[in-house]
Amino acid sequence: MTRESTEIRKQQIVRATMEIIVSEGLHNLTVQKIADSVGITDAAIYRHFASKQEILLTMIDSIRHNLFAHIGTEVADDQPAREQLQETLKRHLEFIEAEHGTPHILFSEALYTDVTKLQQRLRSIMEHYQDYITSIIRHGKDRGEFREDLDEKAVPMLFLGVIQSNVMLWTLAGQSYSLTENYDHLWKILSEGLR
């Protein structure tokens, strides 16, 4: 096997980690399995990462970067808030589907680990996401698009709950259909709650 640059090798290790988590679950992830998947020795993994936890944290950072790059996190002054929420929902579902559910699986399984840093990093992503949805709601209130009594804390939870429950069903069905095929129906339900 040819020697790859450090950055390329790290990306390969992170990608292999994601694939193992999707196919076997976080609890079955080992450094040896990652090394075998990449085609290197387990000792070579430790040239790039100090521990399995560091690989997972790097993977979470990669997911965070890619998710927010895909959905965006800047509230657009020139776009109606309702359209921004609708676009965010669609882009989030597209992202999860493109990543084969890795973010959902990782979030679900991380709840049952005792790795505090992992949970803290995931909580940070959730808080950032909730802040983004809340800022869209505030923007919509300021522009008169949403009623004043709309609960700014409940909407992000509802939004994420709709996504999570649909991703769970999709995962349980073996990802046998397009996650975005029910998008219009999901948006209609969410949109009704925002009136």
C-alpha atoms as a PDB file:
ATOM      1  CA  MET A   1       0.000   0.000   0.000  1.00  0.00           C
ATOM      2  CA  THR A   2       1.275   3.455  -0.832  1.00  0.00           C
ATOM      3  CA  ARG A   3       2.066   5.861   1.936  1.00  0.00           C
ATOM      4  CA  GLU A   4      -0.592   8.560   2.154  1.00  0.00           C
ATOM      5  CA  SER A   5      -0.210  12.064   3.505  1.00  0.00           C
ATOM      6  CA  THR A   6      -1.174  12.510   7.138  1.00  0.00           C
ATOM      7  CA  GLU A   7      -4.339  14.460   6.296  1.00  0.00           C
ATOM      8  CA  ILE A   8      -5.528  11.930   3.717  1.00  0.00           C
ATOM      9  CA  ARG A   9      -4.813   9.049   6.089  1.00  0.00           C
ATOM     10  CA  LYS A  10      -6.733  10.758   8.897  1.00  0.00           C
ATOM     11  CA  GLN A  11      -9.705  11.229   6.562  1.00  0.00           C
ATOM     12  CA  GLN A  12      -9.543   7.553   5.586  1.00  0.00           C
ATOM     13  CA  ILE A  13      -9.488   6.528   9.241  1.00  0.00           C
ATOM     14  CA  VAL A  14     -12.450   8.757  10.086  1.00  0.00           C
ATOM     15  CA  ARG A  15     -14.419   7.493   7.057  1.00  0.00           C
ATOM     16  CA  ALA A  16     -13.684   3.864   7.976  1.00  0.00           C
ATOM     17  CA  THR A  17     -14.810   4.582  11.542  1.00  0.00           C
ATOM     18  CA  MET A  18     -18.117   5.962  10.255  1.00  0.00           C
ATOM     19  CA  GLU A  19     -18.665   2.930   8.049  1.00  0.00           C
ATOM     20  CA  ILE A  20     -18.002   0.507  10.902  1.00  0.00           C
ATOM     21  CA  ILE A  21     -20.385   2.394  13.192  1.00  0.00           C
ATOM     22  CA  VAL A  22     -23.121   2.248  10.545  1.00  0.00           C
ATOM     23  CA  SER A  23     -22.651  -1.455   9.836  1.00  0.00           C
ATOM     24  CA  GLU A  24     -21.758  -2.781  13.293  1.00  0.00           C
ATOM     25  CA  GLY A  25     -22.568  -0.084  15.849  1.00  0.00           C
ATOM     26  CA  LEU A  26     -20.389   2.033  18.084  1.00  0.00           C
ATOM     27  CA  HIS A  27     -20.104  -0.739  20.677  1.00  0.00           C
ATOM     28  CA  ASN A  28     -18.364  -3.003  18.119  1.00  0.00           C
ATOM     29  CA  LEU A  29     -15.864  -0.403  16.968  1.00  0.00           C
ATOM     30  CA  THR A  30     -12.233  -1.378  17.560  1.00  0.00           C
ATOM     31  CA  VAL A  31      -8.971   0.142  16.409  1.00  0.00           C
ATOM     32  CA  GLN A  32      -8.128  -3.196  14.762  1.00  0.00           C
ATOM     33  CA  LYS A  33     -11.332  -3.083  12.690  1.00  0.00           C
ATOM     34  CA  ILE A  34     -10.558   0.483  11.638  1.00  0.00           C
ATOM     35  CA  ALA A  35      -7.010  -0.485  10.666  1.00  0.00           C
ATOM     36  CA  ASP A  36      -8.215  -3.509   8.698  1.00  0.00           C
ATOM     37  CA  SER A  37     -10.750  -1.376   6.859  1.00  0.00           C
ATOM     38  CA  VAL A  38      -8.127   1.219   5.904  1.00  0.00           C
ATOM     39  CA  GLY A  39      -5.554  -1.455   5.084  1.00  0.00           C
ATOM     40  CA  ILE A  40      -2.946  -0.471   7.650  1.00  0.00           C
ATOM     41  CA  THR A  41      -1.756  -1.847  10.971  1.00  0.00           C
ATOM     42  CA  ASP A  42      -3.350  -0.820  14.224  1.00  0.00           C
ATOM     43  CA  ALA A  43       0.011   0.688  15.213  1.00  0.00           C
ATOM     44  CA  ALA A  44      -0.226   2.958  12.161  1.00  0.00           C
ATOM     45  CA  ILE A  45      -3.553   4.280  13.471  1.00  0.00           C
ATOM     46  CA  TYR A  46      -1.740   5.535  16.567  1.00  0.00           C
ATOM     47  CA  ARG A  47       0.629   7.595  14.420  1.00  0.00           C
ATOM     48  CA  HIS A  48      -2.380   9.710  13.528  1.00  0.00           C
ATOM     49  CA  PHE A  49      -4.583   9.478  16.620  1.00  0.00           C
ATOM     50  CA  ALA A  50      -3.696   8.996  20.277  1.00  0.00           C
ATOM     51  CA  SER A  51      -6.774   6.875  21.011  1.00  0.00           C
ATOM     52  CA  LYS A  52     -10.075   5.555  19.713  1.00  0.00           C
ATOM     53  CA  GLN A  53     -11.737   8.412  21.580  1.00  0.00           C
ATOM     54  CA  GLU A  54      -9.681  10.927  19.618  1.00  0.00           C
ATOM     55  CA  ILE A  55     -10.827   9.283  16.379  1.00  0.00           C
ATOM     56  CA  LEU A  56     -14.443   9.567  17.517  1.00  0.00           C
ATOM     57  CA  LEU A  57     -14.018  13.203  18.527  1.00  0.00           C
ATOM     58  CA  THR A  58     -12.445  13.989  15.164  1.00  0.00           C
ATOM     59  CA  MET A  59     -15.320  12.201  13.463  1.00  0.00           C
ATOM     60  CA  ILE A  60     -17.846  14.256  15.423  1.00  0.00           C
ATOM     61  CA  ASP A  61     -16.022  17.441  14.460  1.00  0.00           C
ATOM     62  CA  SER A  62     -16.153  16.337  10.834  1.00  0.00           C
ATOM     63  CA  ILE A  63     -19.883  15.610  11.065  1.00  0.00           C
ATOM     64  CA  ARG A  64     -20.478  18.994  12.690  1.00  0.00           C
ATOM     65  CA  HIS A  65     -18.501  20.817  10.030  1.00  0.00           C
ATOM     66  CA  ASN A  66     -20.197  18.953   7.175  1.00  0.00           C
ATOM     67  CA  LEU A  67     -23.703  19.270   8.630  1.00  0.00           C
ATOM     68  CA  PHE A  68     -23.473  22.997   9.206  1.00  0.00           C
ATOM     69  CA  ALA A  69     -21.784  23.531   5.852  1.00  0.00           C
ATOM     70  CA  HIS A  70     -24.684  21.679   4.233  1.00  0.00           C
ATOM     71  CA  ILE A  71     -27.583  23.333   6.067  1.00  0.00           C
ATOM     72  CA  GLY A  72     -25.949  26.706   6.703  1.00  0.00           C
ATOM     73  CA  THR A  73     -26.236  28.455  10.036  1.00  0.00           C
ATOM     74  CA  GLU A  74     -26.633  32.089   9.121  1.00  0.00           C
ATOM     75  CA  VAL A  75     -30.105  33.591   9.299  1.00  0.00           C
ATOM     76  CA  ALA A  76     -30.808  35.319   5.988  1.00  0.00           C
ATOM     77  CA  ASP A  77     -32.443  38.715   6.376  1.00  0.00           C
ATOM     78  CA  ASP A  78     -33.778  38.608   2.817  1.00  0.00           C
ATOM     79  CA  GLN A  79     -35.466  35.187   3.078  1.00  0.00           C
ATOM     80  CA  PRO A  80     -38.698  34.489   4.962  1.00  0.00           C
ATOM     81  CA  ALA A  81     -38.096  32.576   8.193  1.00  0.00           C
ATOM     82  CA  ARG A  82     -40.601  29.881   7.230  1.00  0.00           C
ATOM     83  CA  GLU A  83     -38.633  29.199   4.020  1.00  0.00           C
ATOM     84  CA  GLN A  84     -35.386  29.021   6.008  1.00  0.00           C
ATOM     85  CA  LEU A  85     -36.855  26.414   8.344  1.00  0.00           C
ATOM     86  CA  GLN A  86     -38.237  24.452   5.408  1.00  0.00           C
ATOM     87  CA  GLU A  87     -34.883  24.507   3.643  1.00  0.00           C
ATOM     88  CA  THR A  88     -33.075  23.504   6.844  1.00  0.00           C
ATOM     89  CA  LEU A  89     -35.362  20.484   7.285  1.00  0.00           C
ATOM     90  CA  LYS A  90     -34.798  19.332   3.715  1.00  0.00           C
ATOM     91  CA  ARG A  91     -31.044  19.846   3.834  1.00  0.00           C
ATOM     92  CA  HIS A  92     -30.740  18.067   7.166  1.00  0.00           C
ATOM     93  CA  LEU A  93     -32.589  15.018   5.831  1.00  0.00           C
ATOM     94  CA  GLU A  94     -30.447  15.047   2.678  1.00  0.00           C
ATOM     95  CA  PHE A  95     -27.303  15.193   4.789  1.00  0.00           C
ATOM     96  CA  ILE A  96     -28.286  12.245   6.963  1.00  0.00           C
ATOM     97  CA  GLU A  97     -29.249  10.206   3.914  1.00  0.00           C
ATOM     98  CA  ALA A  98     -25.961  11.025   2.158  1.00  0.00           C
ATOM     99  CA  GLU A  99     -24.056   9.967   5.286  1.00  0.00           C
ATOM    100  CA  HIS A 100     -26.100   6.741   5.556  1.00  0.00           C
ATOM    101  CA  GLY A 101     -27.441   7.666   8.957  1.00  0.00           C
ATOM    102  CA  THR A 102     -24.051   7.893  10.651  1.00  0.00           C
ATOM    103  CA  PRO A 103     -24.875  11.074  12.616  1.00  0.00           C
ATOM    104  CA  HIS A 104     -28.107   9.572  13.937  1.00  0.00           C
ATOM    105  CA  ILE A 105     -26.491   6.271  14.892  1.00  0.00           C
ATOM    106  CA  LEU A 106     -23.593   8.002  16.590  1.00  0.00           C
ATOM    107  CA  PHE A 107     -25.883  10.335  18.551  1.00  0.00           C
ATOM    108  CA  SER A 108     -28.123   7.449  19.584  1.00  0.00           C
ATOM    109  CA  GLU A 109     -25.335   5.174  20.743  1.00  0.00           C
ATOM    110  CA  ALA A 110     -23.286   7.920  22.387  1.00  0.00           C
ATOM    111  CA  LEU A 111     -26.100   8.433  24.872  1.00  0.00           C
ATOM    112  CA  TYR A 112     -25.250   5.053  26.361  1.00  0.00           C
ATOM    113  CA  THR A 113     -21.498   5.428  26.606  1.00  0.00           C
ATOM    114  CA  ASP A 114     -19.489   6.647  29.525  1.00  0.00           C
ATOM    115  CA  VAL A 115     -17.284   8.829  27.340  1.00  0.00           C
ATOM    116  CA  THR A 116     -17.927  12.281  28.748  1.00  0.00           C
ATOM    117  CA  LYS A 117     -15.951  14.147  26.069  1.00  0.00           C
ATOM    118  CA  LEU A 118     -17.974  12.449  23.364  1.00  0.00           C
ATOM    119  CA  GLN A 119     -21.253  13.410  24.990  1.00  0.00           C
ATOM    120  CA  GLN A 120     -20.036  16.986  25.562  1.00  0.00           C
ATOM    121  CA  ARG A 121     -19.071  17.362  21.908  1.00  0.00           C
ATOM    122  CA  LEU A 122     -22.443  16.016  20.769  1.00  0.00           C
ATOM    123  CA  ARG A 123     -24.258  18.303  23.191  1.00  0.00           C
ATOM    124  CA  SER A 124     -22.347  21.243  21.729  1.00  0.00           C
ATOM    125  CA  ILE A 125     -23.614  20.358  18.250  1.00  0.00           C
ATOM    126  CA  MET A 126     -27.182  20.086  19.524  1.00  0.00           C
ATOM    127  CA  GLU A 127     -26.957  23.424  21.315  1.00  0.00           C
ATOM    128  CA  HIS A 128     -25.566  25.129  18.217  1.00  0.00           C
ATOM    129  CA  TYR A 129     -28.342  23.640  16.098  1.00  0.00           C
ATOM    130  CA  GLN A 130     -31.015  24.675  18.597  1.00  0.00           C
ATOM    131  CA  ASP A 131     -29.592  28.203  18.707  1.00  0.00           C
ATOM    132  CA  TYR A 132     -29.775  28.367  14.922  1.00  0.00           C
ATOM    133  CA  ILE A 133     -33.435  27.275  14.817  1.00  0.00           C
ATOM    134  CA  THR A 134     -34.245  29.675  17.666  1.00  0.00           C
ATOM    135  CA  SER A 135     -32.643  32.557  15.775  1.00  0.00           C
ATOM    136  CA  ILE A 136     -34.801  31.785  12.734  1.00  0.00           C
ATOM    137  CA  ILE A 137     -37.915  31.783  14.939  1.00  0.00           C
ATOM    138  CA  ARG A 138     -36.923  35.137  16.468  1.00  0.00           C
ATOM    139  CA  HIS A 139     -36.275  36.522  12.998  1.00  0.00           C
ATOM    140  CA  GLY A 140     -39.722  35.356  11.914  1.00  0.00           C
ATOM    141  CA  LYS A 141     -41.342  36.908  14.994  1.00  0.00           C
ATOM    142  CA  ASP A 142     -39.583  40.207  14.367  1.00  0.00           C
ATOM    143  CA  ARG A 143     -40.911  40.217  10.810  1.00  0.00           C
ATOM    144  CA  GLY A 144     -44.428  39.228  11.864  1.00  0.00           C
ATOM    145  CA  GLU A 145     -44.230  35.799  10.196  1.00  0.00           C
ATOM    146  CA  PHE A 146     -44.817  33.902  13.429  1.00  0.00           C
ATOM    147  CA  ARG A 147     -47.104  34.660  16.319  1.00  0.00           C
ATOM    148  CA  GLU A 148     -45.494  36.313  19.332  1.00  0.00           C
ATOM    149  CA  ASP A 149     -46.377  33.519  21.758  1.00  0.00           C
ATOM    150  CA  LEU A 150     -44.575  30.845  19.697  1.00  0.00           C
ATOM    151  CA  ASP A 151     -42.288  29.038  22.147  1.00  0.00           C
ATOM    152  CA  GLU A 152     -38.703  29.603  20.986  1.00  0.00           C
ATOM    153  CA  LYS A 153     -37.392  26.728  23.092  1.00  0.00           C
ATOM    154  CA  ALA A 154     -40.034  24.200  22.062  1.00  0.00           C
ATOM    155  CA  VAL A 155     -39.764  24.702  18.293  1.00  0.00           C
ATOM    156  CA  PRO A 156     -36.146  23.502  17.993  1.00  0.00           C
ATOM    157  CA  MET A 157     -36.999  20.422  20.075  1.00  0.00           C
ATOM    158  CA  LEU A 158     -40.038  19.707  17.914  1.00  0.00           C
ATOM    159  CA  PHE A 159     -37.960  20.261  14.779  1.00  0.00           C
ATOM    160  CA  LEU A 160     -35.230  17.871  15.905  1.00  0.00           C
ATOM    161  CA  GLY A 161     -37.786  15.364  17.171  1.00  0.00           C
ATOM    162  CA  VAL A 162     -39.456  15.164  13.782  1.00  0.00           C
ATOM    163  CA  ILE A 163     -36.097  14.571  12.138  1.00  0.00           C
ATOM    164  CA  GLN A 164     -34.937  12.021  14.698  1.00  0.00           C
ATOM    165  CA  SER A 165     -38.117   9.949  14.674  1.00  0.00           C
ATOM    166  CA  ASN A 166     -38.132   9.784  10.889  1.00  0.00           C
ATOM    167  CA  VAL A 167     -34.468   8.866  10.723  1.00  0.00           C
ATOM    168  CA  MET A 168     -35.073   6.137  13.295  1.00  0.00           C
ATOM    169  CA  LEU A 169     -37.875   4.624  11.206  1.00  0.00           C
ATOM    170  CA  TRP A 170     -35.724   4.904   8.079  1.00  0.00           C
ATOM    171  CA  THR A 171     -32.831   3.178   9.842  1.00  0.00           C
ATOM    172  CA  LEU A 172     -35.084   0.391  11.164  1.00  0.00           C
ATOM    173  CA  ALA A 173     -36.374  -0.135   7.602  1.00  0.00           C
ATOM    174  CA  GLY A 174     -32.797  -0.744   6.498  1.00  0.00           C
ATOM    175  CA  GLN A 175     -32.632   2.634   4.739  1.00  0.00           C
ATOM    176  CA  SER A 176     -34.772   0.998   2.045  1.00  0.00           C
ATOM    177  CA  TYR A 177     -36.403   4.232   0.857  1.00  0.00           C
ATOM    178  CA  SER A 178     -35.397   7.829   0.381  1.00  0.00           C
ATOM    179  CA  LEU A 179     -35.413   9.735   3.648  1.00  0.00           C
ATOM    180  CA  THR A 180     -36.530  12.854   1.806  1.00  0.00           C
ATOM    181  CA  GLU A 181     -39.559  11.227   0.146  1.00  0.00           C
ATOM    182  CA  ASN A 182     -41.775  12.197   3.118  1.00  0.00           C
ATOM    183  CA  TYR A 183     -40.269  15.663   3.321  1.00  0.00           C
ATOM    184  CA  ASP A 184     -43.379  17.538   2.087  1.00  0.00           C
ATOM    185  CA  HIS A 185     -45.586  15.738   4.588  1.00  0.00           C
ATOM    186  CA  LEU A 186     -43.150  16.411   7.443  1.00  0.00           C
ATOM    187  CA  TRP A 187     -42.877  20.061   6.544  1.00  0.00           C
ATOM    188  CA  LYS A 188     -46.672  20.404   6.402  1.00  0.00           C
ATOM    189  CA  ILE A 189     -46.980  19.024   9.939  1.00  0.00           C
ATOM    190  CA  LEU A 190     -44.217  21.264  11.269  1.00  0.00           C
ATOM    191  CA  SER A 191     -45.522  24.287   9.405  1.00  0.00           C
ATOM    192  CA  GLU A 192     -49.005  23.883  10.887  1.00  0.00           C
ATOM    193  CA  GLY A 193     -47.510  24.086  14.371  1.00  0.00           C
ATOM    194  CA  LEU A 194     -45.826  27.370  13.508  1.00  0.00           C
ATOM    195  CA  ARG A 195     -49.033  29.238  12.628  1.00  0.00           C
END
